[in-house]
Amino acid sequence: MNCPSCGSEVEAGSKYCEECGVEIVATMAAPTQVPAQVPAAAAAAVANQTPDVVLAPPPMPATSMPAMAQNTMPPPVMQSAQPQGTNQLANPRFVEAVSGRELALTGSGGVVGRSDAGEGWMPTFDLVPFGGGPEAGVSRRHANLTIQGGQVLLADNSSANGTFVNGQQLGNTPRQLADGDQVRVGRVTLIFRI
């Protein structure tokens, strides 16, 4: 599929063009509504080698962000199957599928995403060192992770490119992770280990 604004090839399922930043769903529904200055601005940003400006979708104002995007999670609906007082999570972590690098999952959880020095944003679990920059489709506040009661729960945070567990796209309802689950955040693939 090609971007209706700049003509670049767009990966199936992407919501934004990686070259010009145009929202694909909106442009497919109403291509005449794309402002004429967007391709010129995108071309200027690429010429100046500032891909963060081109590739990242525009941030939502804090007042219009959904509750999940404001770093809150609804209480999980799943109950732990393990006896009270036990904890099977000796060393919960994500292992990056290509490099084998590990990201320890500590504390009670937090936001999984990418840091943005320009915005002063640092998620709890930063995927930039694992190739999770904007070019990999990782949002700043991509997903929420909760560690409680011997469980690790993951929910998408209304991200542009989705969060997947074993090939199934997550919504904003937390899903319990199991040892060996393959987690894809944007285009970064991680293996969950305990």
C-alpha atoms as a PDB file:
ATOM      1  CA  MET A   1       0.000   0.000   0.000  1.00  0.00           C
ATOM      2  CA  ASN A   2       1.246   3.516  -0.795  1.00  0.00           C
ATOM      3  CA  CYS A   3       0.800   6.760   1.148  1.00  0.00           C
ATOM      4  CA  PRO A   4      -1.847   8.891  -0.580  1.00  0.00           C
ATOM      5  CA  SER A   5       0.115  12.041   0.291  1.00  0.00           C
ATOM      6  CA  CYS A   6       3.758  11.334  -0.627  1.00  0.00           C
ATOM      7  CA  GLY A   7       3.460   7.996  -2.469  1.00  0.00           C
ATOM      8  CA  SER A   8       5.913   6.133  -0.187  1.00  0.00           C
ATOM      9  CA  GLU A   9       5.286   2.466   0.540  1.00  0.00           C
ATOM     10  CA  VAL A  10       3.478   1.993   3.874  1.00  0.00           C
ATOM     11  CA  GLU A  11       3.667  -1.198   5.934  1.00  0.00           C
ATOM     12  CA  ALA A  12       0.281  -2.921   6.260  1.00  0.00           C
ATOM     13  CA  GLY A  13      -1.405  -1.981   9.521  1.00  0.00           C
ATOM     14  CA  SER A  14       0.543   1.262  10.032  1.00  0.00           C
ATOM     15  CA  LYS A  15      -1.548   4.243  10.999  1.00  0.00           C
ATOM     16  CA  TYR A  16       1.009   6.882   9.918  1.00  0.00           C
ATOM     17  CA  CYS A  17       3.324   7.212   6.931  1.00  0.00           C
ATOM     18  CA  GLU A  18       6.940   6.910   8.076  1.00  0.00           C
ATOM     19  CA  GLU A  19       8.086   9.381   5.408  1.00  0.00           C
ATOM     20  CA  CYS A  20       5.664  12.299   5.743  1.00  0.00           C
ATOM     21  CA  GLY A  21       3.734  11.560   8.970  1.00  0.00           C
ATOM     22  CA  VAL A  22       0.281  11.661   7.368  1.00  0.00           C
ATOM     23  CA  GLU A  23      -2.330   9.555   9.151  1.00  0.00           C
ATOM     24  CA  ILE A  24      -3.145   6.703   6.755  1.00  0.00           C
ATOM     25  CA  VAL A  25      -6.669   5.890   7.993  1.00  0.00           C
ATOM     26  CA  ALA A  26      -7.811   9.514   7.780  1.00  0.00           C
ATOM     27  CA  THR A  27      -6.288  10.062   4.353  1.00  0.00           C
ATOM     28  CA  MET A  28      -7.816   6.884   2.937  1.00  0.00           C
ATOM     29  CA  ALA A  29     -11.269   8.043   4.080  1.00  0.00           C
ATOM     30  CA  ALA A  30     -10.877  11.616   2.860  1.00  0.00           C
ATOM     31  CA  PRO A  31      -7.706  12.215   0.818  1.00  0.00           C
ATOM     32  CA  THR A  32      -8.708  15.771  -0.063  1.00  0.00           C
ATOM     33  CA  GLN A  33      -8.482  16.813   3.596  1.00  0.00           C
ATOM     34  CA  VAL A  34      -4.683  16.452   3.799  1.00  0.00           C
ATOM     35  CA  PRO A  35      -3.150  19.936   3.994  1.00  0.00           C
ATOM     36  CA  ALA A  36      -0.988  20.770   0.979  1.00  0.00           C
ATOM     37  CA  GLN A  37       1.878  21.970   3.182  1.00  0.00           C
ATOM     38  CA  VAL A  38       2.363  18.565   4.884  1.00  0.00           C
ATOM     39  CA  PRO A  39       4.481  16.986   2.087  1.00  0.00           C
ATOM     40  CA  ALA A  40       6.616  20.135   1.799  1.00  0.00           C
ATOM     41  CA  ALA A  41       7.149  20.253   5.570  1.00  0.00           C
ATOM     42  CA  ALA A  42       8.007  16.548   5.608  1.00  0.00           C
ATOM     43  CA  ALA A  43      10.473  16.990   2.744  1.00  0.00           C
ATOM     44  CA  ALA A  44      12.115  19.926   4.529  1.00  0.00           C
ATOM     45  CA  ALA A  45      12.410  17.902   7.746  1.00  0.00           C
ATOM     46  CA  VAL A  46      14.029  14.993   5.876  1.00  0.00           C
ATOM     47  CA  ALA A  47      16.435  17.378   4.121  1.00  0.00           C
ATOM     48  CA  ASN A  48      17.418  18.763   7.528  1.00  0.00           C
ATOM     49  CA  GLN A  49      17.849  15.180   8.805  1.00  0.00           C
ATOM     50  CA  THR A  50      15.360  15.510  11.640  1.00  0.00           C
ATOM     51  CA  PRO A  51      13.415  12.243  11.304  1.00  0.00           C
ATOM     52  CA  ASP A  52      11.749  12.589  14.731  1.00  0.00           C
ATOM     53  CA  VAL A  53       9.717  15.472  13.325  1.00  0.00           C
ATOM     54  CA  VAL A  54       8.680  13.463  10.294  1.00  0.00           C
ATOM     55  CA  LEU A  55       8.072  10.028  11.772  1.00  0.00           C
ATOM     56  CA  ALA A  56       6.403  10.705  15.100  1.00  0.00           C
ATOM     57  CA  PRO A  57       2.667  11.377  15.105  1.00  0.00           C
ATOM     58  CA  PRO A  58       1.762  14.751  16.606  1.00  0.00           C
ATOM     59  CA  PRO A  59       1.398  14.578  20.403  1.00  0.00           C
ATOM     60  CA  MET A  60      -2.096  14.793  21.817  1.00  0.00           C
ATOM     61  CA  PRO A  61      -2.820  17.580  24.305  1.00  0.00           C
ATOM     62  CA  ALA A  62      -2.908  16.204  27.852  1.00  0.00           C
ATOM     63  CA  THR A  63      -6.532  17.275  28.266  1.00  0.00           C
ATOM     64  CA  SER A  64      -7.673  15.164  25.311  1.00  0.00           C
ATOM     65  CA  MET A  65      -5.575  12.067  26.028  1.00  0.00           C
ATOM     66  CA  PRO A  66      -7.521   8.941  26.927  1.00  0.00           C
ATOM     67  CA  ALA A  67      -7.129   7.746  30.503  1.00  0.00           C
ATOM     68  CA  MET A  68      -4.743   4.973  29.392  1.00  0.00           C
ATOM     69  CA  ALA A  69      -2.413   7.552  27.794  1.00  0.00           C
ATOM     70  CA  GLN A  70      -2.165   9.406  31.090  1.00  0.00           C
ATOM     71  CA  ASN A  71      -0.288   6.477  32.649  1.00  0.00           C
ATOM     72  CA  THR A  72      -3.266   4.956  34.439  1.00  0.00           C
ATOM     73  CA  MET A  73      -4.504   1.423  34.120  1.00  0.00           C
ATOM     74  CA  PRO A  74      -7.840  -0.093  35.035  1.00  0.00           C
ATOM     75  CA  PRO A  75      -7.527  -2.782  37.684  1.00  0.00           C
ATOM     76  CA  PRO A  76      -6.775  -6.177  36.146  1.00  0.00           C
ATOM     77  CA  VAL A  77      -9.676  -8.569  35.955  1.00  0.00           C
ATOM     78  CA  MET A  78      -7.541 -11.717  36.094  1.00  0.00           C
ATOM     79  CA  GLN A  79      -6.901 -13.498  39.376  1.00  0.00           C
ATOM     80  CA  SER A  80      -3.592 -15.132  40.227  1.00  0.00           C
ATOM     81  CA  ALA A  81      -3.667 -18.932  40.108  1.00  0.00           C
ATOM     82  CA  GLN A  82      -0.774 -19.248  42.548  1.00  0.00           C
ATOM     83  CA  PRO A  83      -1.216 -19.663  46.324  1.00  0.00           C
ATOM     84  CA  GLN A  84      -1.237 -16.530  48.464  1.00  0.00           C
ATOM     85  CA  GLY A  85       2.261 -15.382  49.429  1.00  0.00           C
ATOM     86  CA  THR A  86       4.168 -17.052  46.577  1.00  0.00           C
ATOM     87  CA  ASN A  87       5.858 -15.265  43.729  1.00  0.00           C
ATOM     88  CA  GLN A  88       6.971 -17.018  40.552  1.00  0.00           C
ATOM     89  CA  LEU A  89       8.558 -13.824  39.215  1.00  0.00           C
ATOM     90  CA  ALA A  90      12.170 -14.333  40.244  1.00  0.00           C
ATOM     91  CA  ASN A  91      13.567 -12.211  37.392  1.00  0.00           C
ATOM     92  CA  PRO A  92      10.871 -10.855  35.032  1.00  0.00           C
ATOM     93  CA  ARG A  93      12.418  -9.320  31.917  1.00  0.00           C
ATOM     94  CA  PHE A  94      12.095  -8.715  28.208  1.00  0.00           C
ATOM     95  CA  VAL A  95      14.791 -10.216  25.973  1.00  0.00           C
ATOM     96  CA  GLU A  96      15.210  -8.437  22.620  1.00  0.00           C
ATOM     97  CA  ALA A  97      14.755 -11.131  19.970  1.00  0.00           C
ATOM     98  CA  VAL A  98      17.632 -10.089  17.681  1.00  0.00           C
ATOM     99  CA  SER A  99      20.426  -8.995  20.038  1.00  0.00           C
ATOM    100  CA  GLY A 100      19.513 -10.986  23.151  1.00  0.00           C
ATOM    101  CA  ARG A 101      19.853  -7.839  25.291  1.00  0.00           C
ATOM    102  CA  GLU A 102      17.698  -7.850  28.411  1.00  0.00           C
ATOM    103  CA  LEU A 103      15.410  -5.241  29.933  1.00  0.00           C
ATOM    104  CA  ALA A 104      14.658  -5.954  33.609  1.00  0.00           C
ATOM    105  CA  LEU A 105      11.029  -5.423  34.602  1.00  0.00           C
ATOM    106  CA  THR A 106      11.268  -3.984  38.104  1.00  0.00           C
ATOM    107  CA  GLY A 107       9.006  -2.347  40.640  1.00  0.00           C
ATOM    108  CA  SER A 108       5.265  -2.386  40.138  1.00  0.00           C
ATOM    109  CA  GLY A 109       5.469  -1.609  36.416  1.00  0.00           C
ATOM    110  CA  GLY A 110       4.961   1.551  34.378  1.00  0.00           C
ATOM    111  CA  VAL A 111       5.039   2.837  30.812  1.00  0.00           C
ATOM    112  CA  VAL A 112       6.743   0.920  27.990  1.00  0.00           C
ATOM    113  CA  GLY A 113       7.807   3.269  25.197  1.00  0.00           C
ATOM    114  CA  ARG A 114      10.596   5.418  23.833  1.00  0.00           C
ATOM    115  CA  SER A 115      12.437   8.291  25.434  1.00  0.00           C
ATOM    116  CA  ASP A 116      12.342  11.724  23.832  1.00  0.00           C
ATOM    117  CA  ALA A 117      15.089  14.087  24.999  1.00  0.00           C
ATOM    118  CA  GLY A 118      13.522  17.023  23.159  1.00  0.00           C
ATOM    119  CA  GLU A 119      10.298  16.600  25.116  1.00  0.00           C
ATOM    120  CA  GLY A 120      12.057  15.601  28.348  1.00  0.00           C
ATOM    121  CA  TRP A 121      10.154  12.290  28.391  1.00  0.00           C
ATOM    122  CA  MET A 122      11.579   9.062  29.839  1.00  0.00           C
ATOM    123  CA  PRO A 123       9.280   6.022  30.099  1.00  0.00           C
ATOM    124  CA  THR A 124       9.719   3.514  32.903  1.00  0.00           C
ATOM    125  CA  PHE A 125      10.844   0.905  30.354  1.00  0.00           C
ATOM    126  CA  ASP A 126      12.704   2.657  27.506  1.00  0.00           C
ATOM    127  CA  LEU A 127      12.961   0.696  24.233  1.00  0.00           C
ATOM    128  CA  VAL A 128      15.327   3.130  22.441  1.00  0.00           C
ATOM    129  CA  PRO A 129      18.428   1.083  23.434  1.00  0.00           C
ATOM    130  CA  PHE A 130      16.685  -1.936  21.870  1.00  0.00           C
ATOM    131  CA  GLY A 131      16.047  -0.257  18.509  1.00  0.00           C
ATOM    132  CA  GLY A 132      12.720   1.186  19.642  1.00  0.00           C
ATOM    133  CA  GLY A 133      13.016   4.684  18.216  1.00  0.00           C
ATOM    134  CA  PRO A 134      10.343   6.442  16.168  1.00  0.00           C
ATOM    135  CA  GLU A 135      11.572   4.712  12.994  1.00  0.00           C
ATOM    136  CA  ALA A 136      10.583   1.396  14.607  1.00  0.00           C
ATOM    137  CA  GLY A 137       7.034   2.602  15.243  1.00  0.00           C
ATOM    138  CA  VAL A 138       7.409   2.808  19.043  1.00  0.00           C
ATOM    139  CA  SER A 139       5.324   5.547  20.661  1.00  0.00           C
ATOM    140  CA  ARG A 140       6.533   7.558  23.649  1.00  0.00           C
ATOM    141  CA  ARG A 141       3.780   6.074  25.815  1.00  0.00           C
ATOM    142  CA  HIS A 142       3.240   2.870  23.842  1.00  0.00           C
ATOM    143  CA  ALA A 143       1.972   0.389  26.460  1.00  0.00           C
ATOM    144  CA  ASN A 144       1.366   0.007  30.178  1.00  0.00           C
ATOM    145  CA  LEU A 145       2.923  -2.811  32.182  1.00  0.00           C
ATOM    146  CA  THR A 146       1.754  -3.824  35.673  1.00  0.00           C
ATOM    147  CA  ILE A 147       3.567  -6.226  38.008  1.00  0.00           C
ATOM    148  CA  GLN A 148       1.390  -7.454  40.875  1.00  0.00           C
ATOM    149  CA  GLY A 149       0.471 -10.634  42.672  1.00  0.00           C
ATOM    150  CA  GLY A 150       3.027 -12.743  40.807  1.00  0.00           C
ATOM    151  CA  GLN A 151       1.682 -11.601  37.429  1.00  0.00           C
ATOM    152  CA  VAL A 152       2.950  -9.311  34.696  1.00  0.00           C
ATOM    153  CA  LEU A 153       0.132  -7.621  32.780  1.00  0.00           C
ATOM    154  CA  LEU A 154       0.490  -5.666  29.534  1.00  0.00           C
ATOM    155  CA  ALA A 155      -2.007  -3.346  27.804  1.00  0.00           C
ATOM    156  CA  ASP A 156      -1.691  -1.159  24.721  1.00  0.00           C
ATOM    157  CA  ASN A 157      -1.863   2.566  25.411  1.00  0.00           C
ATOM    158  CA  SER A 158      -3.769   3.563  22.231  1.00  0.00           C
ATOM    159  CA  SER A 159      -0.444   3.476  20.365  1.00  0.00           C
ATOM    160  CA  ALA A 160      -0.210   4.301  16.663  1.00  0.00           C
ATOM    161  CA  ASN A 161       1.346   0.968  15.606  1.00  0.00           C
ATOM    162  CA  GLY A 162      -0.052  -1.406  18.200  1.00  0.00           C
ATOM    163  CA  THR A 163       1.168  -3.866  20.812  1.00  0.00           C
ATOM    164  CA  PHE A 164       0.981  -7.588  20.046  1.00  0.00           C
ATOM    165  CA  VAL A 165       1.393 -10.738  22.152  1.00  0.00           C
ATOM    166  CA  ASN A 166       2.018 -13.936  20.188  1.00  0.00           C
ATOM    167  CA  GLY A 167       0.659 -12.217  17.076  1.00  0.00           C
ATOM    168  CA  GLN A 168      -2.594 -11.014  18.671  1.00  0.00           C
ATOM    169  CA  GLN A 169      -3.113  -7.271  18.951  1.00  0.00           C
ATOM    170  CA  LEU A 170      -3.800  -5.995  22.446  1.00  0.00           C
ATOM    171  CA  GLY A 171      -6.403  -3.429  23.349  1.00  0.00           C
ATOM    172  CA  ASN A 172      -6.383  -1.393  26.523  1.00  0.00           C
ATOM    173  CA  THR A 173      -7.523  -4.352  28.659  1.00  0.00           C
ATOM    174  CA  PRO A 174      -4.485  -5.802  30.481  1.00  0.00           C
ATOM    175  CA  ARG A 175      -3.348  -9.254  29.376  1.00  0.00           C
ATOM    176  CA  GLN A 176      -1.273 -11.561  31.559  1.00  0.00           C
ATOM    177  CA  LEU A 177       2.101 -12.491  30.080  1.00  0.00           C
ATOM    178  CA  ALA A 178       3.487 -16.018  30.316  1.00  0.00           C
ATOM    179  CA  ASP A 179       7.120 -17.111  30.114  1.00  0.00           C
ATOM    180  CA  GLY A 180       8.156 -17.286  26.454  1.00  0.00           C
ATOM    181  CA  ASP A 181       5.437 -14.946  25.130  1.00  0.00           C
ATOM    182  CA  GLN A 182       6.545 -12.987  22.070  1.00  0.00           C
ATOM    183  CA  VAL A 183       5.727  -9.297  22.539  1.00  0.00           C
ATOM    184  CA  ARG A 184       5.896  -6.856  19.630  1.00  0.00           C
ATOM    185  CA  VAL A 185       5.895  -3.141  20.399  1.00  0.00           C
ATOM    186  CA  GLY A 186       5.746  -1.282  17.078  1.00  0.00           C
ATOM    187  CA  ARG A 187       8.369  -3.276  15.145  1.00  0.00           C
ATOM    188  CA  VAL A 188      10.506  -4.246  18.163  1.00  0.00           C
ATOM    189  CA  THR A 189      10.177  -7.922  19.089  1.00  0.00           C
ATOM    190  CA  LEU A 190      10.778  -8.972  22.684  1.00  0.00           C
ATOM    191  CA  ILE A 191      10.496 -12.317  24.463  1.00  0.00           C
ATOM    192  CA  PHE A 192       9.021 -12.246  27.984  1.00  0.00           C
ATOM    193  CA  ARG A 193      11.016 -14.305  30.513  1.00  0.00           C
ATOM    194  CA  ILE A 194      10.582 -14.937  34.245  1.00  0.00           C
END
